[in-house]
């Protein structure tokens, strides 16, 4: 896939994800906890969720000693991204709507556009980190990695198709 198609895909994915962030922000405004397990699931710490997933993935991959250094780099980077995401989520909860309160529509759109570019850059870096890690895997491990990733993150794509 060439760079233009990749960036276009990232932009479309960012735009498609925007309503989910609005809904998530709205659900965070409730004073009382949501009923059932839903409320607890939404508040799971991103770092803890990433750590749990990485631990499970490491067991599935059955890494060799030669692959461990590459895995350590990959998993540390993933945890750092999760920590950054947790920090951003906390800041967003603390200042919900404050930064948009005095903006006109054009300024809001420019701000949103800048945030999308930042997210696209982070996603591009994540793809590069993943490519580096996958190159250290055997073909069987790569299949396991891809299957795991699809089971974790592919469900969003399925939901989108059902809604059309």
Protein backbone atom coordinates (compact mmCIF):
# COMPACT_ATOMS: atom_id res chain seq x y z
CA UNK A 1 0.00 0.00 0.00
CA UNK A 2 1.49 3.34 -0.91
CA UNK A 3 1.82 6.19 1.56
CA UNK A 4 -1.10 8.21 0.16
CA UNK A 5 -3.51 5.28 0.43
CA UNK A 6 -2.26 4.53 3.94
CA UNK A 7 -2.71 8.11 5.10
CA UNK A 8 -6.14 8.26 3.46
CA UNK A 9 -7.10 5.03 5.25
CA UNK A 10 -5.83 6.41 8.55
CA UNK A 11 -7.81 9.60 8.06
CA UNK A 12 -10.97 7.68 7.25
CA UNK A 13 -10.43 5.47 10.30
CA UNK A 14 -9.94 8.54 12.50
CA UNK A 15 -13.10 10.13 11.17
CA UNK A 16 -15.02 6.89 11.63
CA UNK A 17 -13.81 6.62 15.24
CA UNK A 18 -14.83 10.18 16.15
CA UNK A 19 -18.47 9.30 17.01
CA UNK A 20 -17.24 6.60 19.39
CA UNK A 21 -15.16 9.19 21.25
CA UNK A 22 -18.18 11.49 21.51
CA UNK A 23 -20.31 8.65 22.87
CA UNK A 24 -17.56 7.64 25.31
CA UNK A 25 -17.24 11.24 26.50
CA UNK A 26 -21.00 11.44 26.95
CA UNK A 27 -21.09 8.24 29.00
CA UNK A 28 -18.33 9.63 31.20
CA UNK A 29 -20.59 12.52 32.25
CA UNK A 30 -22.97 10.34 34.25
CA UNK A 31 -22.76 10.97 37.99
CA UNK A 32 -23.87 7.47 38.92
CA UNK A 33 -22.14 4.32 37.70
CA UNK A 34 -23.76 2.46 34.83
CA UNK A 35 -25.59 -0.74 35.73
CA UNK A 36 -24.10 -4.16 35.10
CA UNK A 37 -20.56 -4.84 34.02
CA UNK A 38 -20.57 -2.11 31.38
CA UNK A 39 -19.56 0.68 33.74
CA UNK A 40 -16.62 -1.26 35.10
CA UNK A 41 -15.41 -2.28 31.65
CA UNK A 42 -15.32 1.30 30.37
CA UNK A 43 -13.12 2.43 33.26
CA UNK A 44 -10.41 -0.21 32.87
CA UNK A 45 -6.96 1.34 32.94
CA UNK A 46 -5.46 1.36 29.41
CA UNK A 47 -2.02 0.45 30.77
CA UNK A 48 -3.38 -2.52 32.70
CA UNK A 49 -5.42 -3.64 29.68
CA UNK A 50 -2.34 -3.41 27.43
CA UNK A 51 -0.18 -5.25 29.97
CA UNK A 52 -2.74 -8.05 30.25
CA UNK A 53 -3.02 -8.37 26.48
CA UNK A 54 0.76 -8.32 26.01
CA UNK A 55 1.21 -11.04 28.64
CA UNK A 56 -1.35 -13.23 26.87
CA UNK A 57 0.22 -12.55 23.49
CA UNK A 58 3.71 -13.38 24.74
CA UNK A 59 2.45 -16.76 25.94
CA UNK A 60 0.71 -17.47 22.62
CA UNK A 61 3.79 -16.57 20.58
CA UNK A 62 6.18 -18.79 22.58
CA UNK A 63 9.12 -16.50 21.86
CA UNK A 64 12.67 -17.78 21.67
CA UNK A 65 15.55 -16.22 23.57
CA UNK A 66 16.72 -14.56 20.34
CA UNK A 67 13.33 -12.86 19.92
CA UNK A 68 13.08 -11.59 23.49
CA UNK A 69 14.96 -8.31 22.95
CA UNK A 70 12.70 -7.36 20.05
CA UNK A 71 9.65 -8.33 22.11
CA UNK A 72 10.83 -6.21 25.04
CA UNK A 73 11.20 -3.18 22.78
CA UNK A 74 7.79 -3.77 21.18
CA UNK A 75 5.96 -4.33 24.48
CA UNK A 76 7.64 -1.35 26.22
CA UNK A 77 6.60 0.88 23.33
CA UNK A 78 3.03 -0.47 23.49
CA UNK A 79 2.88 0.19 27.24
CA UNK A 80 4.24 3.71 26.74
CA UNK A 81 1.48 4.37 24.17
CA UNK A 82 -1.10 3.04 26.62
CA UNK A 83 0.27 5.31 29.37
CA UNK A 84 0.08 8.30 27.01
CA UNK A 85 -3.50 7.34 26.12
CA UNK A 86 -4.42 7.04 29.82
CA UNK A 87 -2.94 10.47 30.52
CA UNK A 88 -4.84 12.00 27.60
CA UNK A 89 -8.09 10.35 28.74
CA UNK A 90 -7.64 11.71 32.26
CA UNK A 91 -6.91 15.22 30.99
CA UNK A 92 -9.95 15.00 28.73
CA UNK A 93 -12.18 13.97 31.66
CA UNK A 94 -10.81 16.78 33.83
CA UNK A 95 -11.25 19.50 31.20
CA UNK A 96 -14.17 18.13 29.19
CA UNK A 97 -15.18 20.75 26.62
CA UNK A 98 -13.05 23.56 28.10
CA UNK A 99 -10.69 23.90 25.14
CA UNK A 100 -13.59 24.11 22.67
CA UNK A 101 -15.77 26.47 24.68
CA UNK A 102 -14.50 29.72 23.15
CA UNK A 103 -13.65 28.44 19.67
CA UNK A 104 -15.59 29.32 16.58
CA UNK A 105 -16.52 26.53 14.16
CA UNK A 106 -13.55 27.01 11.83
CA UNK A 107 -11.13 26.94 14.77
CA UNK A 108 -12.72 23.78 16.12
CA UNK A 109 -12.41 22.11 12.74
CA UNK A 110 -8.75 23.14 12.47
CA UNK A 111 -8.13 21.79 15.97
CA UNK A 112 -9.86 18.52 15.11
CA UNK A 113 -7.87 18.28 11.88
CA UNK A 114 -4.60 18.77 13.77
CA UNK A 115 -5.56 16.08 16.30
CA UNK A 116 -6.38 13.69 13.44
CA UNK A 117 -2.97 14.31 11.88
CA UNK A 118 -1.33 13.63 15.25
CA UNK A 119 -3.29 10.38 15.63
CA UNK A 120 -2.38 9.36 12.07
CA UNK A 121 1.31 9.98 12.84
CA UNK A 122 1.05 7.86 16.00
CA UNK A 123 -0.69 5.10 14.08
CA UNK A 124 2.03 5.20 11.42
CA UNK A 125 4.68 4.85 14.14
CA UNK A 126 2.73 1.95 15.65
CA UNK A 127 2.67 0.26 12.23
CA UNK A 128 6.45 0.68 11.90
CA UNK A 129 7.03 -0.71 15.41
CA UNK A 130 4.79 -3.66 14.62
CA UNK A 131 6.54 -4.32 11.30
CA UNK A 132 9.92 -4.36 13.06
CA UNK A 133 8.63 -6.83 15.64
CA UNK A 134 6.90 -9.05 13.09
CA UNK A 135 10.12 -9.38 11.09
CA UNK A 136 11.66 -11.17 14.08
CA UNK A 137 8.85 -13.76 14.15
CA UNK A 138 8.58 -17.08 12.38
CA UNK A 139 5.76 -17.43 9.82
CA UNK A 140 3.71 -19.42 12.36
CA UNK A 141 4.21 -16.75 15.01
CA UNK A 142 3.25 -14.05 12.51
CA UNK A 143 -0.01 -15.90 11.84
CA UNK A 144 -0.65 -16.16 15.58
CA UNK A 145 0.13 -12.45 16.01
CA UNK A 146 -2.19 -11.44 13.15
CA UNK A 147 -5.00 -13.68 14.41
CA UNK A 148 -4.67 -12.26 17.91
CA UNK A 149 -4.67 -8.69 16.64
CA UNK A 150 -7.75 -9.31 14.50
CA UNK A 151 -9.59 -10.89 17.43
CA UNK A 152 -8.72 -7.90 19.64
CA UNK A 153 -9.28 -5.07 17.20
CA UNK A 154 -11.09 -6.48 14.17
CA UNK A 155 -14.49 -6.40 15.87
CA UNK A 156 -14.74 -2.63 15.22
CA UNK A 157 -14.60 -3.22 11.51
CA UNK A 158 -17.33 -5.88 11.72
CA UNK A 159 -19.63 -3.49 13.59
CA UNK A 160 -19.19 -0.87 10.90
CA UNK A 161 -20.26 -3.28 8.17
CA UNK A 162 -23.38 -4.33 10.06
CA UNK A 163 -24.52 -0.74 10.43
CA UNK A 164 -24.46 0.03 6.72
